[in-house]
Amino acid sequence: MKKRIKYLNRAELSFPSLSQNESLARSFASAFMMQPNPTIDAISDVKCAVSEAVTNSIVHGYRNTKGEIKVKCRLTEDLTLIIDIIDKGCGIEDIDAACEPLFTTNSDGERSGMGFTVMKTLTDNMKVYSKPGRGTRVRLIKKLSDDT
């Protein structure tokens, strides 16, 4: 039987897929995660990972169209931070390929193709769920504690 996760707190934010809202998502996630008093490094890591995920939704998920992005934050009893960044954009055809370093769907030369690699490096776990034509959910998981 699957163990039910108990949350100490949860919050969510929705906003239009505008590039200026990327900083809003970063600020929201960092403010939410302050509860267990994490280190500056942990805060910086989460802010950067959230920034990458939201930027992916804006640039790749919605590809020059507008849509909604949702950021859901949860803090578990064991001080694990779970953040989902959700869009209803075009989705990802091949998640494994998209998670490879240097892979990008943007051919303008402005993107490095390192977004998922950065997210994976800065968190304890990263999962990507996506269906072409239906959108993408990126789940970022980071263990927090007083000495994280």
Protein backbone atom coordinates (compact mmCIF):
# COMPACT_ATOMS: atom_id res chain seq x y z
CA MET A 1 0.00 0.00 0.00
CA LYS A 2 1.32 3.41 -0.96
CA LYS A 3 2.12 5.70 1.98
CA ARG A 4 0.17 8.96 1.92
CA ILE A 5 2.40 12.04 2.10
CA LYS A 6 1.52 14.56 4.80
CA TYR A 7 2.18 18.19 4.05
CA LEU A 8 3.12 20.89 6.55
CA ASN A 9 2.10 23.55 4.05
CA ARG A 10 1.20 24.06 0.42
CA ALA A 11 0.61 26.99 -1.93
CA GLU A 12 0.17 27.61 -5.62
CA LEU A 13 0.48 30.49 -8.04
CA SER A 14 -0.81 30.88 -11.60
CA PHE A 15 0.35 33.50 -14.07
CA PRO A 16 0.47 34.21 -17.81
CA SER A 17 3.45 32.85 -19.76
CA LEU A 18 5.23 36.20 -19.93
CA SER A 19 9.00 36.32 -19.47
CA GLN A 20 8.72 39.00 -16.75
CA ASN A 21 6.77 36.50 -14.61
CA GLU A 22 9.77 34.20 -14.35
CA SER A 23 11.12 36.37 -11.51
CA LEU A 24 7.70 36.19 -9.82
CA ALA A 25 7.89 32.38 -9.83
CA ARG A 26 11.43 32.45 -8.37
CA SER A 27 10.37 34.82 -5.60
CA PHE A 28 7.25 32.79 -4.81
CA ALA A 29 9.22 29.53 -4.49
CA SER A 30 11.99 31.09 -2.39
CA ALA A 31 9.50 32.78 -0.03
CA PHE A 32 7.59 29.51 0.40
CA MET A 33 10.70 27.49 1.20
CA MET A 34 11.86 29.83 4.00
CA GLN A 35 9.78 27.97 6.63
CA PRO A 36 12.43 25.39 7.65
CA ASN A 37 15.25 27.99 7.55
CA PRO A 38 17.28 26.61 4.61
CA THR A 39 20.77 27.76 3.69
CA ILE A 40 21.41 30.51 1.17
CA ASP A 41 22.83 27.85 -1.18
CA ALA A 42 19.62 25.79 -1.01
CA ILE A 43 17.53 28.90 -1.72
CA SER A 44 19.75 29.85 -4.67
CA ASP A 45 19.58 26.32 -6.08
CA VAL A 46 15.78 26.22 -5.93
CA LYS A 47 15.40 29.71 -7.39
CA CYS A 48 17.64 28.81 -10.33
CA ALA A 49 15.87 25.46 -10.94
CA VAL A 50 12.43 27.13 -10.85
CA SER A 51 13.69 29.83 -13.20
CA GLU A 52 14.87 27.20 -15.70
CA ALA A 53 11.57 25.30 -15.53
CA VAL A 54 9.43 28.42 -16.01
CA THR A 55 11.65 29.63 -18.85
CA ASN A 56 11.25 26.22 -20.54
CA SER A 57 7.46 26.56 -20.28
CA ILE A 58 7.52 30.05 -21.77
CA VAL A 59 10.05 29.44 -24.56
CA HIS A 60 9.46 25.80 -25.49
CA GLY A 61 6.02 24.94 -24.09
CA TYR A 62 4.12 27.90 -25.46
CA ARG A 63 6.45 28.79 -28.39
CA ASN A 64 5.43 32.37 -29.16
CA THR A 65 1.88 31.89 -27.89
CA LYS A 66 0.39 32.79 -24.53
CA GLY A 67 -0.91 30.44 -21.88
CA GLU A 68 -0.99 29.84 -18.15
CA ILE A 69 1.80 28.52 -15.99
CA LYS A 70 1.12 27.13 -12.54
CA VAL A 71 3.69 26.73 -9.75
CA LYS A 72 2.66 24.41 -6.91
CA CYS A 73 4.82 24.25 -3.78
CA ARG A 74 4.48 21.69 -0.99
CA LEU A 75 6.54 21.07 2.13
CA THR A 76 6.36 17.59 3.64
CA GLU A 77 6.69 16.60 7.30
CA ASP A 78 10.25 15.42 6.66
CA LEU A 79 11.09 18.88 5.23
CA THR A 80 11.14 17.86 1.60
CA LEU A 81 10.21 20.66 -0.78
CA ILE A 82 8.20 19.57 -3.83
CA ILE A 83 7.64 22.12 -6.59
CA ASP A 84 5.63 21.43 -9.73
CA ILE A 85 5.83 23.79 -12.70
CA ILE A 86 2.88 23.04 -14.98
CA ASP A 87 1.96 24.31 -18.43
CA LYS A 88 -0.64 23.33 -21.00
CA GLY A 89 1.69 24.02 -23.91
CA CYS A 90 2.78 21.83 -26.80
CA GLY A 91 4.30 19.10 -24.63
CA ILE A 92 7.52 17.17 -25.18
CA GLU A 93 7.76 14.46 -27.86
CA ASP A 94 10.80 12.68 -26.37
CA ILE A 95 11.45 13.42 -22.68
CA ASP A 96 14.68 11.38 -22.58
CA ALA A 97 16.14 13.35 -25.50
CA ALA A 98 14.95 16.67 -24.04
CA CYS A 99 16.76 15.89 -20.77
CA GLU A 100 20.08 15.31 -22.55
CA PRO A 101 22.65 18.12 -22.22
CA LEU A 102 22.70 20.51 -25.21
CA PHE A 103 19.34 19.34 -26.59
CA THR A 104 17.09 22.23 -27.62
CA THR A 105 14.03 22.74 -29.81
CA ASN A 106 14.97 26.39 -30.26
CA SER A 107 17.13 26.81 -33.35
CA ASP A 108 17.88 30.54 -32.95
CA GLY A 109 21.18 29.85 -31.20
CA GLU A 110 20.12 31.72 -28.04
CA ARG A 111 19.41 28.58 -26.00
CA SER A 112 22.10 26.27 -24.65
CA GLY A 113 19.95 23.18 -24.15
CA MET A 114 21.09 22.87 -20.53
CA GLY A 115 17.82 23.68 -18.70
CA PHE A 116 16.93 20.16 -17.55
CA THR A 117 20.57 19.41 -16.75
CA VAL A 118 20.75 22.51 -14.52
CA MET A 119 17.46 21.60 -12.80
CA LYS A 120 18.64 18.04 -12.18
CA THR A 121 21.99 19.22 -10.80
CA LEU A 122 20.48 21.76 -8.39
CA THR A 123 17.80 19.51 -6.90
CA ASP A 124 17.76 16.11 -5.24
CA ASN A 125 15.36 14.76 -7.82
CA MET A 126 13.70 16.04 -10.98
CA LYS A 127 10.90 14.35 -12.88
CA VAL A 128 9.31 15.40 -16.16
CA TYR A 129 5.82 14.36 -17.18
CA SER A 130 4.57 15.42 -20.59
CA LYS A 131 2.13 14.56 -23.35
CA PRO A 132 2.44 16.10 -26.81
CA GLY A 133 -0.35 18.62 -27.32
CA ARG A 134 -1.36 18.55 -23.64
CA GLY A 135 1.47 20.17 -21.72
CA THR A 136 4.29 19.45 -19.29
CA ARG A 137 4.78 19.09 -15.55
CA VAL A 138 8.30 19.43 -14.14
CA ARG A 139 8.61 18.22 -10.55
CA LEU A 140 11.56 19.52 -8.55
CA ILE A 141 12.33 17.85 -5.21
CA LYS A 142 14.77 19.26 -2.66
CA LYS A 143 15.36 17.99 0.87
CA LEU A 144 15.51 20.89 3.33
CA SER A 145 16.56 21.03 6.97
CA ASP A 146 18.24 23.46 9.32
CA ASP A 147 21.63 22.42 7.92
CA THR A 148 20.68 22.11 4.23
